Amino acid sequence: MRAVALDYQHRQLVETAFPEPRLERDDQVLFRVLEVGVCGTDRELAGFQLGFPPPGEPLLILGHEALGQVLEVGPAVTTLRPGDWVVPMIRRACVPPCPSCARGRRDLCVSGKWLERGIFGIHGYCAEYALDAAEDLVLIPPALLDCAVLIEPLSVVEKAIETALRFHEPGARTALVLGAGPIGMLAALALLLRGLQTSMYSLEPPEHPRATLMRAAGVHYLTTLDQIKADIVVEATGSADVVSSGLRCLAPLGACAVLGAATAAGQLPLLDLLVNNQTVFGSVNASPQSFARALDDLARFDRAILRRMIHRATLSELPQTLSGPLPEPPKIVHVL
């Protein structure tokens, strides 16, 4: 089968042939991959800034955001059947399982021995066919197929927002999202859905299509962080400097979710955090619970907004997506 992979030996992106997967266990599902979404993690992978291939192999098939259609199921699978549409979860539990993985919370793995499809140690979905255990696949209603590839990034948002709201004991009323990328936009939509007055700060000018799209969804778009306080702050920029700015916008009892920022030198308002009972936390997701909430919320979002977020491209355009300038729509989806 055709696949796009990273060659870690020669440090280059390659399109090559891989053996077609076959059912090996009774609980497995074989599916054809129709779409693969690309995010900042994929661009970092393509720059060989992170990730590694399966043990003993020089290649790693890319792709961790995918939509596929079931072709064949093992005899023990009762939740899926040929023709069903699925989105895979990404992280695989450590073996032997740590306490978190043993209770189904691989996103909270404490051993550090987890693996992730298309990122760390397991081939991803940028290939014609893929194989997964049924428990790692989310059944997608046909009515959501046009935006189903957003479920994986939305699951990241769902976990972060749930955690932030849990930390904010009195009940949050206002939210600030930092960054107008896919994660930031999905975070803003999810916060609006929960009834929070939501603002977004990003570098794009007010007339930029992303800013216009967020205002159409009901988000207050900001180009400065002066004079704003929020109960919930969601960082989705990848910039540690922006995190520092966002922390200064936290209201008392506020909670800040860090989803993209890398390590950097800087100052944190530790006294403010202490005096105001504020919380800063990091979050990563692969839990079935967050994927289920993402599926529910996706069905409630304004579909016109979601469609305008997605730019579909051919597989031959993947090298440009991974290393070139990005188009205005925030989510690039490659059709296999």
C-alpha atoms as a PDB file:
ATOM      1  CA  MET A   1       0.000   0.000   0.000  1.00  0.00           C
ATOM      2  CA  ARG A   2       1.017   3.615  -0.503  1.00  0.00           C
ATOM      3  CA  ALA A   3       2.157   5.519   2.588  1.00  0.00           C
ATOM      4  CA  VAL A   4       3.918   8.767   3.489  1.00  0.00           C
ATOM      5  CA  ALA A   5       6.607   8.404   6.127  1.00  0.00           C
ATOM      6  CA  LEU A   6       9.541  10.094   7.775  1.00  0.00           C
ATOM      7  CA  ASP A   7      12.911   8.492   7.101  1.00  0.00           C
ATOM      8  CA  TYR A   8      14.848   9.030  10.323  1.00  0.00           C
ATOM      9  CA  GLN A   9      18.033   7.621   8.831  1.00  0.00           C
ATOM     10  CA  HIS A  10      18.197  10.096   5.941  1.00  0.00           C
ATOM     11  CA  ARG A  11      16.030  12.778   7.629  1.00  0.00           C
ATOM     12  CA  GLN A  12      13.581  13.202   4.786  1.00  0.00           C
ATOM     13  CA  LEU A  13       9.912  12.747   3.931  1.00  0.00           C
ATOM     14  CA  VAL A  14       9.277   9.799   1.628  1.00  0.00           C
ATOM     15  CA  GLU A  15       6.321   8.270  -0.184  1.00  0.00           C
ATOM     16  CA  THR A  16       6.832   4.538  -0.247  1.00  0.00           C
ATOM     17  CA  ALA A  17       5.145   1.139  -0.261  1.00  0.00           C
ATOM     18  CA  PHE A  18       4.288  -0.688   2.949  1.00  0.00           C
ATOM     19  CA  PRO A  19       2.728  -4.143   3.354  1.00  0.00           C
ATOM     20  CA  GLU A  20      -1.045  -4.004   3.656  1.00  0.00           C
ATOM     21  CA  PRO A  21      -2.139  -4.752   7.229  1.00  0.00           C
ATOM     22  CA  ARG A  22      -4.159  -7.888   7.967  1.00  0.00           C
ATOM     23  CA  LEU A  23      -6.279  -8.845  10.964  1.00  0.00           C
ATOM     24  CA  GLU A  24      -4.049 -10.474  13.548  1.00  0.00           C
ATOM     25  CA  ARG A  25      -6.345 -10.616  16.604  1.00  0.00           C
ATOM     26  CA  ASP A  26     -10.035 -11.224  17.186  1.00  0.00           C
ATOM     27  CA  ASP A  27     -10.535  -7.684  18.574  1.00  0.00           C
ATOM     28  CA  GLN A  28      -9.042  -5.817  15.619  1.00  0.00           C
ATOM     29  CA  VAL A  29     -10.584  -3.683  12.884  1.00  0.00           C
ATOM     30  CA  LEU A  30      -9.184  -3.085   9.398  1.00  0.00           C
ATOM     31  CA  PHE A  31     -10.202   0.207   7.824  1.00  0.00           C
ATOM     32  CA  ARG A  32      -9.435   2.292   4.763  1.00  0.00           C
ATOM     33  CA  VAL A  33      -8.103   5.762   5.553  1.00  0.00           C
ATOM     34  CA  LEU A  34      -9.955   8.524   3.715  1.00  0.00           C
ATOM     35  CA  GLU A  35      -8.656  11.706   5.349  1.00  0.00           C
ATOM     36  CA  VAL A  36      -5.671  12.752   7.459  1.00  0.00           C
ATOM     37  CA  GLY A  37      -5.505  16.077   9.292  1.00  0.00           C
ATOM     38  CA  VAL A  38      -2.249  17.967   9.777  1.00  0.00           C
ATOM     39  CA  CYS A  39      -1.349  20.017  12.852  1.00  0.00           C
ATOM     40  CA  GLY A  40       1.667  21.735  14.349  1.00  0.00           C
ATOM     41  CA  THR A  41       2.891  18.426  15.772  1.00  0.00           C
ATOM     42  CA  ASP A  42       3.161  17.002  12.248  1.00  0.00           C
ATOM     43  CA  ARG A  43       5.187  20.015  11.129  1.00  0.00           C
ATOM     44  CA  GLU A  44       7.526  19.531  14.092  1.00  0.00           C
ATOM     45  CA  LEU A  45       7.820  15.847  13.219  1.00  0.00           C
ATOM     46  CA  ALA A  46       8.666  16.715   9.615  1.00  0.00           C
ATOM     47  CA  GLY A  47      11.435  18.960  10.944  1.00  0.00           C
ATOM     48  CA  PHE A  48      12.689  16.027  13.046  1.00  0.00           C
ATOM     49  CA  GLN A  49      12.207  18.028  16.227  1.00  0.00           C
ATOM     50  CA  LEU A  50      10.412  15.148  17.959  1.00  0.00           C
ATOM     51  CA  GLY A  51       9.104  11.633  17.428  1.00  0.00           C
ATOM     52  CA  PHE A  52      10.698   8.297  16.677  1.00  0.00           C
ATOM     53  CA  PRO A  53       9.872   5.246  14.511  1.00  0.00           C
ATOM     54  CA  PRO A  54       8.926   1.757  15.731  1.00  0.00           C
ATOM     55  CA  PRO A  55      11.816  -0.203  17.266  1.00  0.00           C
ATOM     56  CA  GLY A  56      14.261  -1.454  14.660  1.00  0.00           C
ATOM     57  CA  GLU A  57      12.670   0.500  11.795  1.00  0.00           C
ATOM     58  CA  PRO A  58      14.022   3.589  10.021  1.00  0.00           C
ATOM     59  CA  LEU A  59      10.593   4.863   8.905  1.00  0.00           C
ATOM     60  CA  LEU A  60       7.590   6.276  10.741  1.00  0.00           C
ATOM     61  CA  ILE A  61       4.307   6.606   8.842  1.00  0.00           C
ATOM     62  CA  LEU A  62       2.921  10.059   9.631  1.00  0.00           C
ATOM     63  CA  GLY A  63      -0.628  11.029  10.568  1.00  0.00           C
ATOM     64  CA  HIS A  64      -2.469  10.963  13.889  1.00  0.00           C
ATOM     65  CA  GLU A  65      -5.732  12.757  12.948  1.00  0.00           C
ATOM     66  CA  ALA A  66      -7.671  10.454  10.657  1.00  0.00           C
ATOM     67  CA  LEU A  67     -11.061   9.405   9.321  1.00  0.00           C
ATOM     68  CA  GLY A  68     -11.578   5.955   7.880  1.00  0.00           C
ATOM     69  CA  GLN A  69     -14.200   3.415   6.817  1.00  0.00           C
ATOM     70  CA  VAL A  70     -14.281  -0.097   8.243  1.00  0.00           C
ATOM     71  CA  LEU A  71     -13.488  -2.919   5.809  1.00  0.00           C
ATOM     72  CA  GLU A  72     -13.228  -5.947   8.085  1.00  0.00           C
ATOM     73  CA  VAL A  73     -13.635  -6.770  11.777  1.00  0.00           C
ATOM     74  CA  GLY A  74     -12.395  -9.611  13.945  1.00  0.00           C
ATOM     75  CA  PRO A  75     -14.888 -12.170  15.329  1.00  0.00           C
ATOM     76  CA  ALA A  76     -14.781 -10.634  18.833  1.00  0.00           C
ATOM     77  CA  VAL A  77     -15.779  -7.145  17.597  1.00  0.00           C
ATOM     78  CA  THR A  78     -19.429  -6.330  18.290  1.00  0.00           C
ATOM     79  CA  THR A  79     -19.379  -2.513  18.274  1.00  0.00           C
ATOM     80  CA  LEU A  80     -18.340  -1.991  14.644  1.00  0.00           C
ATOM     81  CA  ARG A  81     -19.123  -3.534  11.283  1.00  0.00           C
ATOM     82  CA  PRO A  82     -17.952  -3.110   7.681  1.00  0.00           C
ATOM     83  CA  GLY A  83     -19.112   0.201   6.248  1.00  0.00           C
ATOM     84  CA  ASP A  84     -18.962   2.081   9.560  1.00  0.00           C
ATOM     85  CA  TRP A  85     -16.974   5.314   9.762  1.00  0.00           C
ATOM     86  CA  VAL A  86     -14.349   5.677  12.483  1.00  0.00           C
ATOM     87  CA  VAL A  87     -11.861   8.128  13.985  1.00  0.00           C
ATOM     88  CA  PRO A  88      -8.928   6.562  15.859  1.00  0.00           C
ATOM     89  CA  MET A  89      -7.639   7.546  19.257  1.00  0.00           C
ATOM     90  CA  ILE A  90      -3.896   8.133  19.290  1.00  0.00           C
ATOM     91  CA  ARG A  91      -2.123   7.065  22.466  1.00  0.00           C
ATOM     92  CA  ARG A  92      -1.568   3.399  23.348  1.00  0.00           C
ATOM     93  CA  ALA A  93      -1.268   2.332  26.965  1.00  0.00           C
ATOM     94  CA  CYS A  94       2.027   1.288  28.506  1.00  0.00           C
ATOM     95  CA  VAL A  95       2.795  -2.418  28.952  1.00  0.00           C
ATOM     96  CA  PRO A  96       2.559  -3.625  31.662  1.00  0.00           C
ATOM     97  CA  PRO A  97      -0.033  -0.977  32.462  1.00  0.00           C
ATOM     98  CA  CYS A  98       0.600   1.662  35.074  1.00  0.00           C
ATOM     99  CA  PRO A  99      -2.282   2.468  37.463  1.00  0.00           C
ATOM    100  CA  SER A 100      -3.662   5.122  35.086  1.00  0.00           C
ATOM    101  CA  CYS A 101      -3.484   2.955  31.971  1.00  0.00           C
ATOM    102  CA  ALA A 102      -4.995   0.033  33.893  1.00  0.00           C
ATOM    103  CA  ARG A 103      -8.124   2.086  34.584  1.00  0.00           C
ATOM    104  CA  GLY A 104      -8.485   3.249  30.982  1.00  0.00           C
ATOM    105  CA  ARG A 105      -6.831   6.665  31.373  1.00  0.00           C
ATOM    106  CA  ARG A 106      -3.881   6.312  29.037  1.00  0.00           C
ATOM    107  CA  ASP A 107      -3.828  10.114  28.756  1.00  0.00           C
ATOM    108  CA  LEU A 108      -2.690  10.158  32.393  1.00  0.00           C
ATOM    109  CA  CYS A 109       0.012   7.494  31.983  1.00  0.00           C
ATOM    110  CA  VAL A 110       2.642   7.855  34.713  1.00  0.00           C
ATOM    111  CA  SER A 111       5.246   5.400  33.419  1.00  0.00           C
ATOM    112  CA  GLY A 112       6.189   7.452  30.343  1.00  0.00           C
ATOM    113  CA  LYS A 113       6.199   4.242  28.304  1.00  0.00           C
ATOM    114  CA  TRP A 114       3.088   5.037  26.246  1.00  0.00           C
ATOM    115  CA  LEU A 115       3.242   5.140  22.451  1.00  0.00           C
ATOM    116  CA  GLU A 116       1.339   7.339  19.986  1.00  0.00           C
ATOM    117  CA  ARG A 117       0.282   6.560  16.433  1.00  0.00           C
ATOM    118  CA  GLY A 118       2.202   8.616  13.896  1.00  0.00           C
ATOM    119  CA  ILE A 119       4.287  10.346  16.577  1.00  0.00           C
ATOM    120  CA  PHE A 120       6.058   8.085  19.042  1.00  0.00           C
ATOM    121  CA  GLY A 121       6.966   4.525  18.142  1.00  0.00           C
ATOM    122  CA  ILE A 122       3.897   3.366  16.166  1.00  0.00           C
ATOM    123  CA  HIS A 123       3.054   3.976  12.517  1.00  0.00           C
ATOM    124  CA  GLY A 124       0.353   6.542  11.858  1.00  0.00           C
ATOM    125  CA  TYR A 125      -2.510   6.818   9.415  1.00  0.00           C
ATOM    126  CA  CYS A 126      -1.055   8.510   6.337  1.00  0.00           C
ATOM    127  CA  ALA A 127      -1.488   5.252   4.449  1.00  0.00           C
ATOM    128  CA  GLU A 128      -4.212   3.564   2.440  1.00  0.00           C
ATOM    129  CA  TYR A 129      -5.149   1.105   5.196  1.00  0.00           C
ATOM    130  CA  ALA A 130      -4.787   0.883   8.972  1.00  0.00           C
ATOM    131  CA  LEU A 131      -5.383  -1.654  11.713  1.00  0.00           C
ATOM    132  CA  ASP A 132      -6.531  -0.928  15.265  1.00  0.00           C
ATOM    133  CA  ALA A 133      -8.213  -2.593  18.191  1.00  0.00           C
ATOM    134  CA  ALA A 134     -11.929  -1.820  18.243  1.00  0.00           C
ATOM    135  CA  GLU A 135     -11.564  -0.102  21.627  1.00  0.00           C
ATOM    136  CA  ASP A 136      -9.259   2.473  20.021  1.00  0.00           C
ATOM    137  CA  LEU A 137     -11.816   3.570  17.417  1.00  0.00           C
ATOM    138  CA  VAL A 138     -14.673   6.072  17.747  1.00  0.00           C
ATOM    139  CA  LEU A 139     -17.819   5.338  15.708  1.00  0.00           C
ATOM    140  CA  ILE A 140     -18.805   8.376  13.627  1.00  0.00           C
ATOM    141  CA  PRO A 141     -22.388   9.116  12.525  1.00  0.00           C
ATOM    142  CA  PRO A 142     -22.575   9.673   8.742  1.00  0.00           C
ATOM    143  CA  ALA A 143     -24.047  13.133   9.363  1.00  0.00           C
ATOM    144  CA  LEU A 144     -20.703  14.302  10.825  1.00  0.00           C
ATOM    145  CA  LEU A 145     -18.380  13.009   8.110  1.00  0.00           C
ATOM    146  CA  ASP A 146     -17.626  16.436   6.659  1.00  0.00           C
ATOM    147  CA  CYS A 147     -16.006  17.582   9.915  1.00  0.00           C
ATOM    148  CA  ALA A 148     -15.197  14.320  11.732  1.00  0.00           C
ATOM    149  CA  VAL A 149     -11.448  14.788  11.295  1.00  0.00           C
ATOM    150  CA  LEU A 150     -11.718  17.593  13.882  1.00  0.00           C
ATOM    151  CA  ILE A 151     -12.628  15.129  16.647  1.00  0.00           C
ATOM    152  CA  GLU A 152      -9.038  14.326  17.657  1.00  0.00           C
ATOM    153  CA  PRO A 153      -7.942  17.961  18.171  1.00  0.00           C
ATOM    154  CA  LEU A 154     -11.301  18.714  19.780  1.00  0.00           C
ATOM    155  CA  SER A 155     -10.696  15.894  22.285  1.00  0.00           C
ATOM    156  CA  VAL A 156      -7.604  17.780  23.467  1.00  0.00           C
ATOM    157  CA  VAL A 157      -9.781  20.836  24.059  1.00  0.00           C
ATOM    158  CA  GLU A 158     -12.470  18.847  25.857  1.00  0.00           C
ATOM    159  CA  LYS A 159     -10.096  17.467  28.467  1.00  0.00           C
ATOM    160  CA  ALA A 160      -8.476  20.856  29.064  1.00  0.00           C
ATOM    161  CA  ILE A 161     -11.785  22.674  29.510  1.00  0.00           C
ATOM    162  CA  GLU A 162     -13.190  19.986  31.791  1.00  0.00           C
ATOM    163  CA  THR A 163     -10.084  20.221  33.978  1.00  0.00           C
ATOM    164  CA  ALA A 164     -10.147  24.028  34.071  1.00  0.00           C
ATOM    165  CA  LEU A 165     -13.826  24.152  35.032  1.00  0.00           C
ATOM    166  CA  ARG A 166     -13.195  21.618  37.779  1.00  0.00           C
ATOM    167  CA  PHE A 167     -10.432  23.821  39.235  1.00  0.00           C
ATOM    168  CA  HIS A 168     -12.621  26.957  39.142  1.00  0.00           C
ATOM    169  CA  GLU A 169     -14.825  26.131  42.105  1.00  0.00           C
ATOM    170  CA  PRO A 170     -17.458  28.918  42.013  1.00  0.00           C
ATOM    171  CA  GLY A 171     -18.226  28.374  38.330  1.00  0.00           C
ATOM    172  CA  ALA A 172     -16.472  30.217  35.534  1.00  0.00           C
ATOM    173  CA  ARG A 173     -18.254  32.902  33.522  1.00  0.00           C
ATOM    174  CA  THR A 174     -15.516  34.307  31.265  1.00  0.00           C
ATOM    175  CA  ALA A 175     -12.833  32.707  29.097  1.00  0.00           C
ATOM    176  CA  LEU A 176      -9.828  33.825  27.072  1.00  0.00           C
ATOM    177  CA  VAL A 177      -8.307  31.726  24.293  1.00  0.00           C
ATOM    178  CA  LEU A 178      -4.762  32.489  23.161  1.00  0.00           C
ATOM    179  CA  GLY A 179      -4.185  31.646  19.494  1.00  0.00           C
ATOM    180  CA  ALA A 180      -6.386  31.359  16.394  1.00  0.00           C
ATOM    181  CA  GLY A 181      -5.192  27.991  15.180  1.00  0.00           C
ATOM    182  CA  PRO A 182      -7.378  24.854  15.060  1.00  0.00           C
ATOM    183  CA  ILE A 183      -7.032  24.126  18.789  1.00  0.00           C
ATOM    184  CA  GLY A 184      -7.739  27.743  19.713  1.00  0.00           C
ATOM    185  CA  MET A 185     -10.807  27.972  17.491  1.00  0.00           C
ATOM    186  CA  LEU A 186     -12.212  24.673  18.754  1.00  0.00           C
ATOM    187  CA  ALA A 187     -11.563  25.759  22.337  1.00  0.00           C
ATOM    188  CA  ALA A 188     -13.473  28.998  21.744  1.00  0.00           C
ATOM    189  CA  LEU A 189     -16.427  27.130  20.244  1.00  0.00           C
ATOM    190  CA  ALA A 190     -16.500  24.637  23.126  1.00  0.00           C
ATOM    191  CA  LEU A 191     -16.354  27.409  25.736  1.00  0.00           C
ATOM    192  CA  LEU A 192     -19.191  29.272  24.026  1.00  0.00           C
ATOM    193  CA  LEU A 193     -21.209  26.064  24.050  1.00  0.00           C
ATOM    194  CA  ARG A 194     -20.821  25.952  27.829  1.00  0.00           C
ATOM    195  CA  GLY A 195     -22.192  29.466  28.184  1.00  0.00           C
ATOM    196  CA  LEU A 196     -18.947  31.318  28.875  1.00  0.00           C
ATOM    197  CA  GLN A 197     -18.362  34.821  27.551  1.00  0.00           C
ATOM    198  CA  THR A 198     -15.365  34.034  25.331  1.00  0.00           C
ATOM    199  CA  SER A 199     -12.590  36.218  23.937  1.00  0.00           C
ATOM    200  CA  MET A 200      -9.693  35.271  21.686  1.00  0.00           C
ATOM    201  CA  TYR A 201      -6.294  36.915  21.390  1.00  0.00           C
ATOM    202  CA  SER A 202      -4.064  36.272  18.377  1.00  0.00           C
ATOM    203  CA  LEU A 203      -1.568  38.015  16.124  1.00  0.00           C
ATOM    204  CA  GLU A 204      -3.815  38.015  13.053  1.00  0.00           C
ATOM    205  CA  PRO A 205      -5.256  41.476  12.333  1.00  0.00           C
ATOM    206  CA  PRO A 206      -8.981  42.061  12.933  1.00  0.00           C
ATOM    207  CA  GLU A 207      -9.776  41.793   9.202  1.00  0.00           C
ATOM    208  CA  HIS A 208      -8.051  38.405   8.868  1.00  0.00           C
ATOM    209  CA  PRO A 209     -10.426  35.549   7.839  1.00  0.00           C
ATOM    210  CA  ARG A 210      -9.756  33.684  11.081  1.00  0.00           C
ATOM    211  CA  ALA A 211     -10.674  36.729  13.151  1.00  0.00           C
ATOM    212  CA  THR A 212     -13.775  37.284  11.026  1.00  0.00           C
ATOM    213  CA  LEU A 213     -14.783  33.642  11.444  1.00  0.00           C
ATOM    214  CA  MET A 214     -14.458  33.777  15.221  1.00  0.00           C
ATOM    215  CA  ARG A 215     -16.519  36.950  15.451  1.00  0.00           C
ATOM    216  CA  ALA A 216     -19.195  35.255  13.327  1.00  0.00           C
ATOM    217  CA  ALA A 217     -19.255  32.457  15.904  1.00  0.00           C
ATOM    218  CA  GLY A 218     -19.800  34.926  18.756  1.00  0.00           C
ATOM    219  CA  VAL A 219     -16.206  35.251  20.015  1.00  0.00           C
ATOM    220  CA  HIS A 220     -14.825  38.672  20.983  1.00  0.00           C
ATOM    221  CA  TYR A 221     -11.575  39.031  19.033  1.00  0.00           C
ATOM    222  CA  LEU A 222      -8.650  40.877  20.635  1.00  0.00           C
ATOM    223  CA  THR A 223      -5.340  42.159  19.306  1.00  0.00           C
ATOM    224  CA  THR A 224      -4.111  43.260  22.743  1.00  0.00           C
ATOM    225  CA  LEU A 225      -4.388  41.789  26.229  1.00  0.00           C
ATOM    226  CA  ASP A 226      -4.706  45.113  27.983  1.00  0.00           C
ATOM    227  CA  GLN A 227      -7.531  45.460  30.499  1.00  0.00           C
ATOM    228  CA  ILE A 228      -8.900  41.906  30.278  1.00  0.00           C
ATOM    229  CA  LYS A 229      -9.417  39.344  33.012  1.00  0.00           C
ATOM    230  CA  ALA A 230     -10.816  35.846  32.522  1.00  0.00           C
ATOM    231  CA  ASP A 231     -11.791  32.932  34.746  1.00  0.00           C
ATOM    232  CA  ILE A 232     -10.466  30.387  32.226  1.00  0.00           C
ATOM    233  CA  VAL A 233      -7.441  30.901  29.950  1.00  0.00           C
ATOM    234  CA  VAL A 234      -6.581  28.365  27.251  1.00  0.00           C
ATOM    235  CA  GLU A 235      -3.134  28.677  25.660  1.00  0.00           C
ATOM    236  CA  ALA A 236      -3.002  27.317  22.101  1.00  0.00           C
ATOM    237  CA  THR A 237      -0.147  29.280  20.554  1.00  0.00           C
ATOM    238  CA  GLY A 238       3.012  27.302  21.201  1.00  0.00           C
ATOM    239  CA  SER A 239       4.600  30.443  22.663  1.00  0.00           C
ATOM    240  CA  ALA A 240       5.863  30.532  26.243  1.00  0.00           C
ATOM    241  CA  ASP A 241       5.875  34.335  26.100  1.00  0.00           C
ATOM    242  CA  VAL A 242       2.152  34.324  25.385  1.00  0.00           C
ATOM    243  CA  VAL A 243       1.610  32.001  28.347  1.00  0.00           C
ATOM    244  CA  SER A 244       3.254  34.577  30.598  1.00  0.00           C
ATOM    245  CA  SER A 245       0.964  37.266  29.188  1.00  0.00           C
ATOM    246  CA  GLY A 246      -2.066  35.056  29.577  1.00  0.00           C
ATOM    247  CA  LEU A 247      -1.311  34.345  33.221  1.00  0.00           C
ATOM    248  CA  ARG A 248      -1.486  38.056  33.932  1.00  0.00           C
ATOM    249  CA  CYS A 249      -5.030  37.957  32.554  1.00  0.00           C
ATOM    250  CA  LEU A 250      -6.244  35.352  35.054  1.00  0.00           C
ATOM    251  CA  ALA A 251      -8.972  36.485  37.400  1.00  0.00           C
ATOM    252  CA  PRO A 252      -8.949  35.325  41.040  1.00  0.00           C
ATOM    253  CA  LEU A 253      -9.532  31.558  41.273  1.00  0.00           C
ATOM    254  CA  GLY A 254      -8.771  31.367  37.542  1.00  0.00           C
ATOM    255  CA  ALA A 255      -7.341  28.346  35.752  1.00  0.00           C
ATOM    256  CA  CYS A 256      -4.957  28.378  32.776  1.00  0.00           C
ATOM    257  CA  ALA A 257      -4.589  25.362  30.489  1.00  0.00           C
ATOM    258  CA  VAL A 258      -1.278  25.154  28.621  1.00  0.00           C
ATOM    259  CA  LEU A 259      -1.713  23.157  25.408  1.00  0.00           C
ATOM    260  CA  GLY A 260       1.082  24.200  23.085  1.00  0.00           C
ATOM    261  CA  ALA A 261       3.891  26.181  24.660  1.00  0.00           C
ATOM    262  CA  ALA A 262       7.437  24.851  24.700  1.00  0.00           C
ATOM    263  CA  THR A 263      10.111  25.358  27.332  1.00  0.00           C
ATOM    264  CA  ALA A 264      11.401  28.912  27.563  1.00  0.00           C
ATOM    265  CA  ALA A 265      13.026  31.258  30.019  1.00  0.00           C
ATOM    266  CA  GLY A 266      10.771  33.853  31.551  1.00  0.00           C
ATOM    267  CA  GLN A 267       9.022  35.130  34.640  1.00  0.00           C
ATOM    268  CA  LEU A 268       5.858  33.740  36.152  1.00  0.00           C
ATOM    269  CA  PRO A 269       3.560  35.741  38.444  1.00  0.00           C
ATOM    270  CA  LEU A 270       3.963  33.230  41.266  1.00  0.00           C
ATOM    271  CA  LEU A 271       2.818  35.626  43.982  1.00  0.00           C
ATOM    272  CA  ASP A 272      -0.380  36.325  42.032  1.00  0.00           C
ATOM    273  CA  LEU A 273      -0.976  32.584  41.642  1.00  0.00           C
ATOM    274  CA  LEU A 274      -0.565  32.110  45.382  1.00  0.00           C
ATOM    275  CA  VAL A 275      -2.606  35.067  46.593  1.00  0.00           C
ATOM    276  CA  ASN A 276      -5.421  34.601  44.061  1.00  0.00           C
ATOM    277  CA  ASN A 277      -5.665  30.794  44.319  1.00  0.00           C
ATOM    278  CA  GLN A 278      -4.975  30.418  40.613  1.00  0.00           C
ATOM    279  CA  THR A 279      -4.085  27.214  38.770  1.00  0.00           C
ATOM    280  CA  VAL A 280      -1.809  26.546  35.797  1.00  0.00           C
ATOM    281  CA  PHE A 281      -1.768  23.077  34.273  1.00  0.00           C
ATOM    282  CA  GLY A 282      -0.700  21.180  31.192  1.00  0.00           C
ATOM    283  CA  SER A 283      -2.954  18.770  29.368  1.00  0.00           C
ATOM    284  CA  VAL A 284      -2.681  16.087  26.699  1.00  0.00           C
ATOM    285  CA  ASN A 285      -5.412  13.724  25.599  1.00  0.00           C
ATOM    286  CA  ALA A 286      -6.208  10.266  24.401  1.00  0.00           C
ATOM    287  CA  SER A 287      -8.979   9.257  26.778  1.00  0.00           C
ATOM    288  CA  PRO A 288     -12.207   7.660  25.507  1.00  0.00           C
ATOM    289  CA  GLN A 289     -14.184  10.058  27.694  1.00  0.00           C
ATOM    290  CA  SER A 290     -12.771  13.146  25.977  1.00  0.00           C
ATOM    291  CA  PHE A 291     -13.310  11.661  22.528  1.00  0.00           C
ATOM    292  CA  ALA A 292     -16.935  10.945  23.451  1.00  0.00           C
ATOM    293  CA  ARG A 293     -17.440  14.552  24.579  1.00  0.00           C
ATOM    294  CA  ALA A 294     -15.777  15.773  21.390  1.00  0.00           C
ATOM    295  CA  LEU A 295     -18.222  13.751  19.313  1.00  0.00           C
ATOM    296  CA  ASP A 296     -21.170  15.179  21.245  1.00  0.00           C
ATOM    297  CA  ASP A 297     -19.969  18.783  20.990  1.00  0.00           C
ATOM    298  CA  LEU A 298     -19.062  18.516  17.311  1.00  0.00           C
ATOM    299  CA  ALA A 299     -22.688  17.646  16.565  1.00  0.00           C
ATOM    300  CA  ARG A 300     -23.795  20.838  18.376  1.00  0.00           C
ATOM    301  CA  PHE A 301     -21.367  23.287  16.765  1.00  0.00           C
ATOM    302  CA  ASP A 302     -22.408  25.552  13.908  1.00  0.00           C
ATOM    303  CA  ARG A 303     -21.588  23.449  10.846  1.00  0.00           C
ATOM    304  CA  ALA A 304     -21.052  26.496   8.650  1.00  0.00           C
ATOM    305  CA  ILE A 305     -18.286  27.655  11.008  1.00  0.00           C
ATOM    306  CA  LEU A 306     -16.688  24.197  11.032  1.00  0.00           C
ATOM    307  CA  ARG A 307     -16.698  23.915   7.243  1.00  0.00           C
ATOM    308  CA  ARG A 308     -14.951  27.265   6.927  1.00  0.00           C
ATOM    309  CA  MET A 309     -12.241  26.031   9.291  1.00  0.00           C
ATOM    310  CA  ILE A 310     -11.233  23.145   6.998  1.00  0.00           C
ATOM    311  CA  HIS A 311      -9.078  23.276   3.869  1.00  0.00           C
ATOM    312  CA  ARG A 312      -8.891  19.990   1.961  1.00  0.00           C
ATOM    313  CA  ALA A 313      -5.871  19.147  -0.177  1.00  0.00           C
ATOM    314  CA  THR A 314      -4.504  16.184  -2.111  1.00  0.00           C
ATOM    315  CA  LEU A 315      -1.914  13.834  -0.683  1.00  0.00           C
ATOM    316  CA  SER A 316       0.638  15.168  -3.175  1.00  0.00           C
ATOM    317  CA  GLU A 317       0.378  18.561  -1.433  1.00  0.00           C
ATOM    318  CA  LEU A 318       1.441  17.126   1.936  1.00  0.00           C
ATOM    319  CA  PRO A 319       5.120  18.179   1.643  1.00  0.00           C
ATOM    320  CA  GLN A 320       4.012  21.790   1.149  1.00  0.00           C
ATOM    321  CA  THR A 321       1.711  21.564   4.180  1.00  0.00           C
ATOM    322  CA  LEU A 322       4.486  20.198   6.359  1.00  0.00           C
ATOM    323  CA  SER A 323       7.150  22.735   5.476  1.00  0.00           C
ATOM    324  CA  GLY A 324       5.642  25.656   3.549  1.00  0.00           C
ATOM    325  CA  PRO A 325       3.414  28.609   4.432  1.00  0.00           C
ATOM    326  CA  LEU A 326      -0.033  27.660   5.673  1.00  0.00           C
ATOM    327  CA  PRO A 327      -3.340  28.645   4.031  1.00  0.00           C
ATOM    328  CA  GLU A 328      -5.798  30.874   5.843  1.00  0.00           C
ATOM    329  CA  PRO A 329      -8.222  28.103   6.951  1.00  0.00           C
ATOM    330  CA  PRO A 330      -6.668  26.711  10.145  1.00  0.00           C
ATOM    331  CA  LYS A 331      -7.167  22.972   9.611  1.00  0.00           C
ATOM    332  CA  ILE A 332      -5.560  21.312   6.601  1.00  0.00           C
ATOM    333  CA  VAL A 333      -6.967  17.902   5.727  1.00  0.00           C
ATOM    334  CA  HIS A 334      -5.383  15.679   3.106  1.00  0.00           C
ATOM    335  CA  VAL A 335      -7.614  13.321   1.163  1.00  0.00           C
ATOM    336  CA  LEU A 336      -6.009   9.976   0.393  1.00  0.00           C
END
